[in-house]
Protein backbone atom coordinates (compact mmCIF):
# COMPACT_ATOMS: atom_id res chain seq x y z
CA UNK A 1 151.01 94.71 201.36
CA UNK A 2 149.32 91.45 200.43
CA UNK A 3 147.59 89.79 203.34
CA UNK A 4 147.67 86.01 203.68
CA UNK A 5 144.57 84.05 204.71
CA UNK A 6 144.69 82.48 208.14
CA UNK A 7 144.60 78.69 208.07
CA UNK A 8 142.12 76.64 210.11
CA UNK A 9 143.46 73.29 211.35
CA UNK A 10 141.97 70.33 209.41
CA UNK A 11 140.97 68.57 212.64
CA UNK A 12 138.83 71.54 213.68
CA UNK A 13 137.03 71.51 210.35
CA UNK A 14 136.22 67.78 210.61
CA UNK A 15 134.85 68.22 214.12
CA UNK A 16 132.55 71.03 212.98
CA UNK A 17 131.21 69.04 210.00
CA UNK A 18 130.57 65.89 212.04
CA UNK A 19 128.83 67.88 214.75
CA UNK A 20 126.52 69.46 212.20
CA UNK A 21 125.58 66.07 210.78
CA UNK A 22 124.43 64.80 214.16
CA UNK A 23 122.34 67.84 215.12
CA UNK A 24 118.71 66.89 215.91
CA UNK A 25 115.91 69.08 214.49
CA UNK A 26 112.53 69.06 216.22
CA UNK A 27 109.37 68.27 214.23
CA UNK A 28 108.38 65.92 211.40
CA UNK A 29 109.53 66.13 207.78
CA UNK A 30 107.02 67.84 205.49
CA UNK A 31 107.06 67.12 201.75
CA UNK A 32 107.68 70.15 199.53
CA UNK A 33 104.41 70.89 197.67
CA UNK A 34 104.34 71.06 193.87
CA UNK A 35 104.56 74.62 192.59
CA UNK A 36 101.15 76.26 192.15
CA UNK A 37 100.25 76.05 188.45
CA UNK A 38 100.33 79.42 186.71
CA UNK A 39 96.96 80.39 185.24
CA UNK A 40 97.38 81.40 181.60
CA UNK A 41 96.74 85.01 180.71
CA UNK A 42 93.18 85.07 179.30
CA UNK A 43 94.08 86.12 175.77
CA UNK A 44 92.07 84.83 172.83
CA UNK A 45 94.85 82.50 171.68
CA UNK A 46 95.36 81.05 175.19
CA UNK A 47 91.66 80.31 175.69
CA UNK A 48 90.48 79.53 172.16
CA UNK A 49 93.60 77.87 170.79
CA UNK A 50 94.27 78.01 167.06
CA UNK A 51 92.12 80.93 165.91
CA UNK A 52 91.71 80.08 162.18
CA UNK A 53 90.25 76.67 163.04
CA UNK A 54 88.21 77.85 166.06
CA UNK A 55 84.63 76.58 165.69
CA UNK A 56 82.10 78.96 167.28
CA UNK A 57 79.41 76.28 166.96
CA UNK A 58 81.22 74.39 169.73
CA UNK A 59 80.14 77.08 172.20
CA UNK A 60 76.37 77.08 171.70
CA UNK A 61 73.60 74.67 170.75
CA UNK A 62 69.87 75.02 170.08
CA UNK A 63 68.93 73.86 173.59
CA UNK A 64 70.67 76.95 174.98
CA UNK A 65 68.10 79.11 173.20
CA UNK A 66 65.02 77.08 174.17
CA UNK A 67 64.11 79.30 177.18
CA UNK A 68 63.50 82.15 174.73
CA UNK A 69 61.40 80.42 172.08
CA UNK A 70 61.66 77.72 169.45
CA UNK A 71 65.31 77.44 168.32
CA UNK A 72 66.72 75.99 165.11
CA UNK A 73 70.16 75.93 163.47
CA UNK A 74 70.34 78.26 160.47
CA UNK A 75 72.08 77.51 157.18
CA UNK A 76 75.80 78.36 157.47
CA UNK A 77 76.85 81.58 155.78
CA UNK A 78 80.26 82.25 157.28
CA UNK A 79 83.49 80.73 158.57
CA UNK A 80 83.42 83.31 161.36
CA UNK A 81 80.17 82.73 163.20
CA UNK A 82 77.54 80.12 164.04
CA UNK A 83 73.94 81.03 163.08
CA UNK A 84 70.61 80.11 164.70
CA UNK A 85 67.03 81.30 164.60
CA UNK A 86 64.65 81.67 167.54
CA UNK A 87 60.92 82.03 167.05
CA UNK A 88 59.54 83.83 170.09
CA UNK A 89 56.15 83.45 171.77
CA UNK A 90 54.98 86.52 169.81
CA UNK A 91 55.97 84.71 166.58
CA UNK A 92 58.92 86.99 165.83
CA UNK A 93 61.71 85.11 164.06
CA UNK A 94 65.05 86.33 165.38
CA UNK A 95 68.55 85.66 164.07
CA UNK A 96 71.21 84.73 166.62
CA UNK A 97 74.89 84.61 165.66
CA UNK A 98 77.82 83.57 167.84
CA UNK A 99 81.41 84.12 166.84
CA UNK A 100 83.11 86.76 164.68
CA UNK A 101 86.48 87.44 166.27
CA UNK A 102 87.58 91.05 166.00
CA UNK A 103 90.41 93.04 167.57
CA UNK A 104 89.85 96.51 168.99
CA UNK A 105 92.52 99.17 168.73
CA UNK A 106 91.17 100.60 171.99
CA UNK A 107 88.15 100.15 174.23
CA UNK A 108 86.73 103.41 172.92
CA UNK A 109 86.48 102.00 169.40
CA UNK A 110 82.96 100.75 170.17
CA UNK A 111 80.21 102.40 172.19
CA UNK A 112 79.91 99.92 175.02
CA UNK A 113 79.94 99.49 178.76
CA UNK A 114 82.55 96.97 179.90
CA UNK A 115 81.50 94.65 182.72
CA UNK A 116 83.75 92.09 184.47
CA UNK A 117 82.77 88.45 184.12
CA UNK A 118 85.00 85.89 185.82
CA UNK A 119 88.47 86.34 184.22
CA UNK A 120 87.05 88.15 181.19
CA UNK A 121 84.83 91.13 180.46
CA UNK A 122 81.59 91.54 178.55
CA UNK A 123 81.06 94.62 176.41
CA UNK A 124 77.43 95.74 176.49
CA UNK A 125 76.86 97.62 173.25
CA UNK A 126 74.17 100.17 172.56
CA UNK A 127 70.88 98.42 171.89
CA UNK A 128 67.70 99.07 169.93
CA UNK A 129 64.51 97.14 169.02
CA UNK A 130 66.14 95.55 165.94
CA UNK A 131 69.58 94.52 167.22
CA UNK A 132 71.34 93.67 170.46
CA UNK A 133 75.04 92.78 170.56
CA UNK A 134 77.32 91.65 173.36
CA UNK A 135 81.03 90.89 173.15
CA UNK A 136 83.27 88.63 175.19
CA UNK A 137 86.43 90.72 175.61
CA UNK A 138 89.79 88.99 176.06
CA UNK A 139 92.75 90.74 177.69
CA UNK A 140 94.40 91.36 174.30
CA UNK A 141 91.24 93.24 173.16
CA UNK A 142 90.17 90.44 170.85
CA UNK A 143 86.39 90.21 171.03
CA UNK A 144 83.88 87.43 170.33
CA UNK A 145 80.41 88.68 169.41
CA UNK A 146 76.95 87.38 170.29
CA UNK A 147 74.30 89.24 168.29
CA UNK A 148 70.51 88.99 168.14
CA UNK A 149 68.84 90.65 165.15
CA UNK A 150 65.27 91.13 164.04
CA UNK A 151 65.31 91.33 160.24
CA UNK A 152 61.60 90.65 159.92
CA UNK A 153 58.48 92.79 160.08
CA UNK A 154 57.39 91.58 163.53
CA UNK A 155 58.03 94.14 166.25
CA UNK A 156 60.31 93.28 169.14
CA UNK A 157 61.73 95.22 172.05
CA UNK A 158 65.35 95.82 172.96
CA UNK A 159 64.62 94.08 176.25
CA UNK A 160 63.49 90.92 174.45
CA UNK A 161 66.52 90.84 172.15
CA UNK A 162 69.00 91.63 174.92
CA UNK A 163 67.52 89.02 177.23
CA UNK A 164 68.64 86.42 174.69
CA UNK A 165 72.01 88.09 174.04
CA UNK A 166 72.83 88.38 177.76
CA UNK A 167 71.91 84.76 178.41
CA UNK A 168 73.95 83.41 175.49
CA UNK A 169 77.04 85.56 176.01
CA UNK A 170 77.40 84.32 179.59
CA UNK A 171 77.10 80.70 178.44
CA UNK A 172 79.72 81.34 175.78
CA UNK A 173 82.11 83.02 178.24
CA UNK A 174 81.72 80.14 180.70
CA UNK A 175 82.48 77.53 178.04
CA UNK A 176 85.49 79.47 176.81
CA UNK A 177 86.90 79.71 180.34
CA UNK A 178 86.11 76.06 181.03
CA UNK A 179 88.05 75.08 177.87
CA UNK A 180 85.02 73.61 176.08
CA UNK A 181 86.23 74.95 172.73
CA UNK A 182 86.15 72.89 169.54
CA UNK A 183 88.06 73.26 166.28
CA UNK A 184 87.39 72.48 162.63
CA UNK A 185 89.50 70.24 160.44
CA UNK A 186 89.75 71.81 156.99
CA UNK A 187 89.90 69.57 153.90
CA UNK A 188 92.50 69.81 151.17
CA UNK A 189 92.25 72.98 149.05
CA UNK A 190 90.13 74.66 151.73
CA UNK A 191 90.12 78.43 152.15
CA UNK A 192 90.09 77.92 155.92
CA UNK A 193 93.82 78.51 156.26
CA UNK A 194 94.35 80.98 153.42
CA UNK A 195 95.08 84.47 154.78
CA UNK A 196 93.04 86.98 152.74
CA UNK A 197 95.36 89.82 153.74
CA UNK A 198 98.12 88.20 151.69
CA UNK A 199 95.93 87.94 148.59
CA UNK A 200 95.94 91.65 147.71
CA UNK A 201 98.97 93.86 147.19
CA UNK A 202 98.92 97.50 148.28
CA UNK A 203 99.08 98.56 144.63
CA UNK A 204 96.00 96.47 143.82
CA UNK A 205 94.05 97.71 146.87
CA UNK A 206 94.80 101.25 145.70
CA UNK A 207 92.61 100.60 142.64
CA UNK A 208 89.64 101.43 144.86
CA UNK A 209 88.74 105.05 144.02
CA UNK A 210 89.82 107.45 146.75
CA UNK A 211 92.12 104.93 148.47
CA UNK A 212 95.60 105.86 147.24
CA UNK A 213 97.39 104.79 150.44
CA UNK A 214 95.30 101.91 151.80
CA UNK A 215 95.65 100.80 155.41
CA UNK A 216 94.97 97.15 156.15
CA UNK A 217 93.03 95.67 159.07
CA UNK A 218 93.49 91.92 159.60
CA UNK A 219 90.98 89.89 161.61
CA UNK A 220 92.11 87.41 164.31
CA UNK A 221 90.69 84.27 162.64
CA UNK A 222 92.13 85.33 159.26
CA UNK A 223 88.98 84.62 157.24
CA UNK A 224 88.54 88.24 156.19
CA UNK A 225 90.65 91.35 155.72
CA UNK A 226 89.72 95.01 155.29
CA UNK A 227 91.41 97.96 153.61
CA UNK A 228 90.44 101.64 153.91
CA UNK A 229 92.15 104.98 153.55
CA UNK A 230 92.49 105.53 157.31
CA UNK A 231 92.10 102.06 158.83
CA UNK A 232 88.48 102.64 159.85
CA UNK A 233 85.33 101.03 158.45
CA UNK A 234 84.36 104.21 156.61
CA UNK A 235 84.19 104.09 152.79
CA UNK A 236 86.01 103.94 150.49
CA UNK A 237 86.55 100.40 151.71
CA UNK A 238 87.69 97.05 150.36
CA UNK A 239 87.02 93.70 152.03
CA UNK A 240 88.15 90.21 151.06
CA UNK A 241 86.19 87.46 152.80
CA UNK A 242 86.44 83.67 152.74
CA UNK A 243 83.13 82.19 153.80
CA UNK A 244 80.79 79.22 153.45
CA UNK A 245 77.27 79.28 152.08
CA UNK A 246 75.05 78.80 149.07
CA UNK A 247 76.43 80.58 145.99
CA UNK A 248 74.45 83.61 144.82
CA UNK A 249 72.25 82.90 141.80
CA UNK A 250 72.57 85.54 139.04
CA UNK A 251 69.29 87.22 138.05
CA UNK A 252 70.54 89.16 135.03
CA UNK A 253 69.77 92.49 136.71
CA UNK A 254 71.57 93.41 139.91
CA UNK A 255 73.35 90.03 139.96
CA UNK A 256 75.17 89.07 136.78
CA UNK A 257 77.37 86.14 135.78
CA UNK A 258 80.81 87.06 134.44
CA UNK A 259 84.25 85.57 133.93
CA UNK A 260 86.82 87.18 136.21
CA UNK A 261 90.37 85.92 136.17
CA UNK A 262 89.25 82.72 134.46
CA UNK A 263 86.70 81.83 137.16
CA UNK A 264 82.88 81.96 137.03
CA UNK A 265 82.00 85.02 139.12
CA UNK A 266 78.76 86.62 140.25
CA UNK A 267 78.82 90.41 140.35
CA UNK A 268 76.26 91.91 142.76
CA UNK A 269 75.67 95.65 142.84
CA UNK A 270 73.55 98.03 144.85
CA UNK A 271 73.48 101.75 145.44
CA UNK A 272 71.67 104.25 147.60
CA UNK A 273 71.89 107.92 148.45
CA UNK A 274 74.71 107.16 150.88
CA UNK A 275 76.60 104.20 149.41
CA UNK A 276 77.69 102.42 146.25
CA UNK A 277 78.47 98.74 146.77
CA UNK A 278 79.74 96.03 144.44
CA UNK A 279 80.70 92.47 145.32
CA UNK A 280 82.47 89.82 143.27
CA UNK A 281 81.82 86.23 144.40
CA UNK A 282 83.20 82.91 143.25
CA UNK A 283 82.38 79.43 144.52
CA UNK A 284 85.21 77.18 145.68
CA UNK A 285 85.05 73.58 146.92
CA UNK A 286 81.77 71.94 148.08
CA UNK A 287 81.19 71.67 151.82
CA UNK A 288 80.15 68.41 153.47
CA UNK A 289 76.49 68.36 154.44
CA UNK A 290 74.96 68.96 151.05
CA UNK A 291 72.29 71.64 150.60
CA UNK A 292 74.44 73.24 147.90
CA UNK A 293 76.96 74.63 150.39
CA UNK A 294 80.36 75.71 149.10
CA UNK A 295 83.30 77.63 150.37
CA UNK A 296 83.01 81.10 148.85
CA UNK A 297 85.42 83.96 148.17
CA UNK A 298 84.16 87.55 148.12
CA UNK A 299 85.69 90.86 147.12
CA UNK A 300 83.51 93.78 148.21
CA UNK A 301 84.08 97.44 147.41
CA UNK A 302 82.11 100.22 149.15
CA UNK A 303 82.30 103.81 147.90
CA UNK A 304 80.89 106.88 149.69
CA UNK A 305 78.02 109.22 148.87
CA UNK A 306 77.99 110.48 145.30
CA UNK A 307 79.99 107.57 143.88
CA UNK A 308 78.98 105.50 140.89
CA UNK A 309 78.30 101.80 141.42
CA UNK A 310 80.04 101.02 138.13
CA UNK A 311 83.25 102.50 139.56
CA UNK A 312 82.91 100.18 142.55
CA UNK A 313 82.38 97.21 140.22
CA UNK A 314 85.39 98.07 138.06
CA UNK A 315 87.58 98.05 141.17
CA UNK A 316 85.98 94.89 142.59
CA UNK A 317 86.59 92.94 139.36
CA UNK A 318 90.19 94.11 139.01
CA UNK A 319 90.96 93.14 142.61
CA UNK A 320 89.05 89.85 142.37
CA UNK A 321 91.23 88.78 139.44
CA UNK A 322 94.25 88.97 141.75
CA UNK A 323 92.48 87.32 144.70
CA UNK A 324 91.17 84.44 142.58
CA UNK A 325 94.73 83.73 141.38
CA UNK A 326 95.73 82.96 145.00
CA UNK A 327 92.90 80.48 145.68
CA UNK A 328 94.11 76.89 146.25
CA UNK A 329 94.22 74.91 143.02
């Protein structure tokens, strides 16, 4: 049986509507507030913006280092970090670098203690009298490194190095969170936006001895790329890096001038009881600022204990020929 809806007289409906319109409500009207803005998730891309053009030199300046000695900008040698020197009261000349974006597969990938700092964390790495490193850690496990190194003969303490690193990493984290981040503008033909991971095929990477099934590790700023047999940094290892600096001068011994893929190339080799290393380097376009600076492309092959450096060089040159062919014309 289908039931019919009961009908309400039209006059009754009109009375109800009109009564509702004349009902008085106590109190004063309050404007509806604007919705609370949503704070962006503190990932590297959200806080740093475009990662390939991110300029680490926008986050630190010599005056920041003045409490620890006499600071000075150092000659650029990378697209990934900003270099300085600090000469301490004891006359030790220390190297300070800010930048180098990396991505961790897990927190346990590095030996560090993670400490909260505002909306980010700071990874306190193991320290010694020659190096102290701290990392700003974003929520996506991208890290930004502040490192203080003593490459000289003057003795320093871990406390002295880490005093500088702790001071600078907090400044850097504050400026990142306060959106005081600058970016580079790359000129035509620059390597700044060329992804090195796309410059080497898997078949070519497999020319590194002992690396038949290479695994690739890209870096967030896309200025370098690494291949190894298991994805780690252990040799055998291949790295392609786009950088800035003064081209290496051949010396006819461990650094020789060769033609690789139709480009002037410097081959640098070194070996020890634990490593065989060979690097192929070619200069690209000049960089504004003079002092002989150029954009540089590197192919570096590292082989493990017992390997021959000539085997590393044979692989480096074969791979460089492919990489050079992808450089902007």
